[in-house]
Amino acid sequence: MNTAAWTIFTKRIPVKADIPTLYHAWTTREGLERWFLREAVFTAPDGLIRPHADFAQAGDAYLWRWHGYADDVFEAREVTEANGTDLFSFRFSGNCLVTVQLTPYDQHTLVEITQREIPEDNNPSTNLYVGCGEGWTFYLANLKSIYEGGIDLRNRDMRLQGVVVSS
């Protein structure tokens, strides 16, 4: 079995929105909380929290929390690259590297997310290849839904558990 195949994956979706709009969606608190997160805080290297509409920068720390999960479920890691136009990278679960690339395609923007450096794990309940792949698929669909039709697919009810949502 080729174990290298389980250390990286790429998900792609076309979204009918321009690149600046989608870059804002991925790199600002305001944007991320519209389609992905309950709370997205970016802190600059000098310790100052970035305002809601300010773009994240390489070297920023982030704290992310999701709808449907208690406050003790979060990611707190680092932005590794943010070019200001079409590329955003950050560390994620298991210290994986996630890169978001935005590319024009016809009248859409192709949103491509690659997660690499995934640690090997044979336990299905903790396997990041499976869990994160499922999560990114859901949230990319929600990104498309929000920016093309306005319908938010996220579960915002903490009392309702075991429904279709990122695991």
Foldseek 3Di string as FASTA:
>chain_A
DPCQVLFKDKDKDWALDDQVLVLQLPFFQLNVCLQPFVGKWWAAPVGHIDPRRDGHAFFIWIWTHHALDDPVDIWIWGWHHDPPTFWTWTQTPVRWIKIWGWDDDDSTIMTMIMTGRQDDDPDPVPRCSVLVVLQVVVRVVRVRCCRPPNDHPDDNDNVDPDDDHRD
